Amino acid sequence: MRFFGEAVAVAYGAENRMQKSADGTEARRCQVWTDTWLKRNGKWQIVAAQDTVVPCEK
């Protein structure tokens, strides 16, 4: 997580998981994400979020 002053922060990362399809086969699903946070009235709130499915590295 990176903070920009006292009221803005950006969290980012990547993750993967195994996902089972309707026919019972499993496939790996990989994604990257970014969440933008803003501190309002003393509370942190997410003001923007982005998730993108990407090809999995082997």
N, C-alpha and C. Protein backbone atom coordinates (compact mmCIF):
# COMPACT_ATOMS: atom_id res chain seq x y z
N MET A 1 0.86 -1.17 0.00
CA MET A 1 0.00 0.00 0.00
C MET A 1 0.90 1.23 0.00
N ARG A 2 0.50 2.23 -0.77
CA ARG A 2 1.24 3.51 -0.79
C ARG A 2 0.31 4.61 -0.32
N PHE A 3 0.84 5.47 0.53
CA PHE A 3 0.07 6.60 1.03
C PHE A 3 0.53 7.86 0.33
N PHE A 4 -0.43 8.73 0.01
CA PHE A 4 -0.15 10.02 -0.61
C PHE A 4 -0.74 11.08 0.31
N GLY A 5 0.08 11.59 1.21
CA GLY A 5 -0.41 12.49 2.23
C GLY A 5 -1.12 11.70 3.31
N GLU A 6 -2.00 12.38 4.01
CA GLU A 6 -2.71 11.74 5.12
C GLU A 6 -4.11 11.26 4.75
N ALA A 7 -4.54 11.50 3.50
CA ALA A 7 -5.93 11.19 3.18
C ALA A 7 -6.13 10.34 1.94
N VAL A 8 -5.06 9.96 1.24
CA VAL A 8 -5.20 9.14 0.03
C VAL A 8 -4.23 7.97 0.11
N ALA A 9 -4.72 6.79 -0.27
CA ALA A 9 -3.86 5.60 -0.30
C ALA A 9 -4.27 4.73 -1.49
N VAL A 10 -3.29 4.03 -2.04
CA VAL A 10 -3.54 3.11 -3.14
C VAL A 10 -2.99 1.74 -2.74
N ALA A 11 -3.85 0.74 -2.78
CA ALA A 11 -3.46 -0.65 -2.52
C ALA A 11 -3.50 -1.39 -3.85
N TYR A 12 -2.51 -2.26 -4.07
CA TYR A 12 -2.46 -2.97 -5.34
C TYR A 12 -1.83 -4.34 -5.11
N GLY A 13 -2.15 -5.27 -6.01
CA GLY A 13 -1.58 -6.60 -5.86
C GLY A 13 -2.00 -7.52 -6.97
N ALA A 14 -1.62 -8.76 -6.83
CA ALA A 14 -1.96 -9.80 -7.79
C ALA A 14 -2.31 -11.06 -7.01
N GLU A 15 -3.18 -11.87 -7.58
CA GLU A 15 -3.57 -13.10 -6.91
C GLU A 15 -3.98 -14.13 -7.95
N ASN A 16 -4.03 -15.38 -7.52
CA ASN A 16 -4.52 -16.43 -8.40
C ASN A 16 -5.27 -17.46 -7.58
N ARG A 17 -6.10 -18.21 -8.27
CA ARG A 17 -6.90 -19.24 -7.59
C ARG A 17 -7.26 -20.31 -8.60
N MET A 18 -7.66 -21.46 -8.09
CA MET A 18 -8.16 -22.53 -8.93
C MET A 18 -9.67 -22.37 -9.01
N GLN A 19 -10.20 -22.44 -10.23
CA GLN A 19 -11.63 -22.25 -10.44
C GLN A 19 -12.18 -23.49 -11.12
N LYS A 20 -13.28 -24.02 -10.59
CA LYS A 20 -13.90 -25.22 -11.15
C LYS A 20 -15.04 -24.81 -12.09
N SER A 21 -15.04 -25.37 -13.28
CA SER A 21 -16.09 -25.06 -14.25
C SER A 21 -17.27 -26.01 -14.05
N ALA A 22 -18.33 -25.78 -14.80
CA ALA A 22 -19.55 -26.58 -14.67
C ALA A 22 -19.30 -28.06 -14.99
N ASP A 23 -18.35 -28.35 -15.87
CA ASP A 23 -18.08 -29.75 -16.23
C ASP A 23 -17.11 -30.44 -15.26
N GLY A 24 -16.69 -29.73 -14.21
CA GLY A 24 -15.84 -30.31 -13.18
C GLY A 24 -14.35 -30.12 -13.39
N THR A 25 -13.94 -29.58 -14.54
CA THR A 25 -12.51 -29.35 -14.75
C THR A 25 -12.08 -28.10 -13.98
N GLU A 26 -10.81 -28.07 -13.61
CA GLU A 26 -10.27 -26.92 -12.89
C GLU A 26 -9.28 -26.16 -13.75
N ALA A 27 -9.28 -24.86 -13.60
CA ALA A 27 -8.33 -24.00 -14.30
C ALA A 27 -7.86 -22.91 -13.35
N ARG A 28 -6.63 -22.50 -13.53
CA ARG A 28 -6.07 -21.43 -12.70
C ARG A 28 -6.52 -20.08 -13.26
N ARG A 29 -6.95 -19.18 -12.39
CA ARG A 29 -7.39 -17.84 -12.78
C ARG A 29 -6.48 -16.84 -12.08
N CYS A 30 -5.91 -15.92 -12.85
CA CYS A 30 -4.98 -14.93 -12.31
C CYS A 30 -5.53 -13.53 -12.55
N GLN A 31 -5.32 -12.64 -11.60
CA GLN A 31 -5.78 -11.27 -11.77
C GLN A 31 -4.87 -10.30 -11.02
N VAL A 32 -4.90 -9.06 -11.47
CA VAL A 32 -4.24 -7.95 -10.78
C VAL A 32 -5.32 -6.96 -10.36
N TRP A 33 -5.06 -6.21 -9.30
CA TRP A 33 -6.09 -5.30 -8.79
C TRP A 33 -5.46 -4.05 -8.19
N THR A 34 -6.28 -3.00 -8.15
CA THR A 34 -5.90 -1.73 -7.54
C THR A 34 -7.13 -1.16 -6.82
N ASP A 35 -6.96 -0.74 -5.59
CA ASP A 35 -8.02 -0.07 -4.83
C ASP A 35 -7.51 1.31 -4.41
N THR A 36 -8.31 2.33 -4.62
CA THR A 36 -7.96 3.68 -4.22
C THR A 36 -8.83 4.07 -3.03
N TRP A 37 -8.18 4.50 -1.96
CA TRP A 37 -8.84 4.85 -0.70
C TRP A 37 -8.73 6.34 -0.43
N LEU A 38 -9.76 6.89 0.19
CA LEU A 38 -9.79 8.29 0.59
C LEU A 38 -10.29 8.37 2.03
N LYS A 39 -9.61 9.15 2.84
CA LYS A 39 -10.04 9.32 4.23
C LYS A 39 -10.99 10.50 4.30
N ARG A 40 -12.25 10.22 4.67
CA ARG A 40 -13.28 11.26 4.80
C ARG A 40 -13.87 11.21 6.19
N ASN A 41 -13.92 12.35 6.84
CA ASN A 41 -14.49 12.45 8.19
C ASN A 41 -13.89 11.41 9.13
N GLY A 42 -12.58 11.17 8.99
CA GLY A 42 -11.89 10.24 9.88
C GLY A 42 -12.03 8.78 9.54
N LYS A 43 -12.73 8.43 8.44
CA LYS A 43 -12.92 7.03 8.06
C LYS A 43 -12.38 6.79 6.66
N TRP A 44 -11.70 5.64 6.47
CA TRP A 44 -11.20 5.27 5.15
C TRP A 44 -12.33 4.66 4.32
N GLN A 45 -12.44 5.12 3.07
CA GLN A 45 -13.46 4.60 2.14
C GLN A 45 -12.81 4.29 0.80
N ILE A 46 -13.22 3.20 0.18
CA ILE A 46 -12.75 2.91 -1.18
C ILE A 46 -13.53 3.81 -2.13
N VAL A 47 -12.81 4.56 -2.97
CA VAL A 47 -13.47 5.45 -3.92
C VAL A 47 -13.33 4.95 -5.36
N ALA A 48 -12.43 3.98 -5.58
CA ALA A 48 -12.30 3.36 -6.91
C ALA A 48 -11.65 1.99 -6.74
N ALA A 49 -12.09 1.04 -7.56
CA ALA A 49 -11.53 -0.30 -7.53
C ALA A 49 -11.45 -0.84 -8.95
N GLN A 50 -10.41 -1.62 -9.23
CA GLN A 50 -10.21 -2.20 -10.56
C GLN A 50 -9.64 -3.59 -10.40
N ASP A 51 -10.24 -4.57 -11.08
CA ASP A 51 -9.74 -5.94 -11.14
C ASP A 51 -9.62 -6.32 -12.61
N THR A 52 -8.50 -6.93 -12.98
CA THR A 52 -8.31 -7.35 -14.37
C THR A 52 -7.79 -8.78 -14.39
N VAL A 53 -8.45 -9.65 -15.14
CA VAL A 53 -7.97 -11.01 -15.35
C VAL A 53 -6.82 -10.94 -16.33
N VAL A 54 -5.72 -11.61 -16.00
CA VAL A 54 -4.51 -11.61 -16.84
C VAL A 54 -4.09 -13.06 -17.10
N PRO A 55 -3.30 -13.28 -18.15
CA PRO A 55 -2.79 -14.64 -18.37
C PRO A 55 -1.91 -15.08 -17.20
N CYS A 56 -2.05 -16.31 -16.79
CA CYS A 56 -1.24 -16.84 -15.69
C CYS A 56 0.14 -17.21 -16.20
N GLU A 57 1.16 -16.86 -15.43
CA GLU A 57 2.52 -17.28 -15.76
C GLU A 57 2.64 -18.77 -15.44
N LYS A 58 3.42 -19.45 -16.19
CA LYS A 58 3.57 -20.90 -15.97
C LYS A 58 4.59 -21.21 -14.93
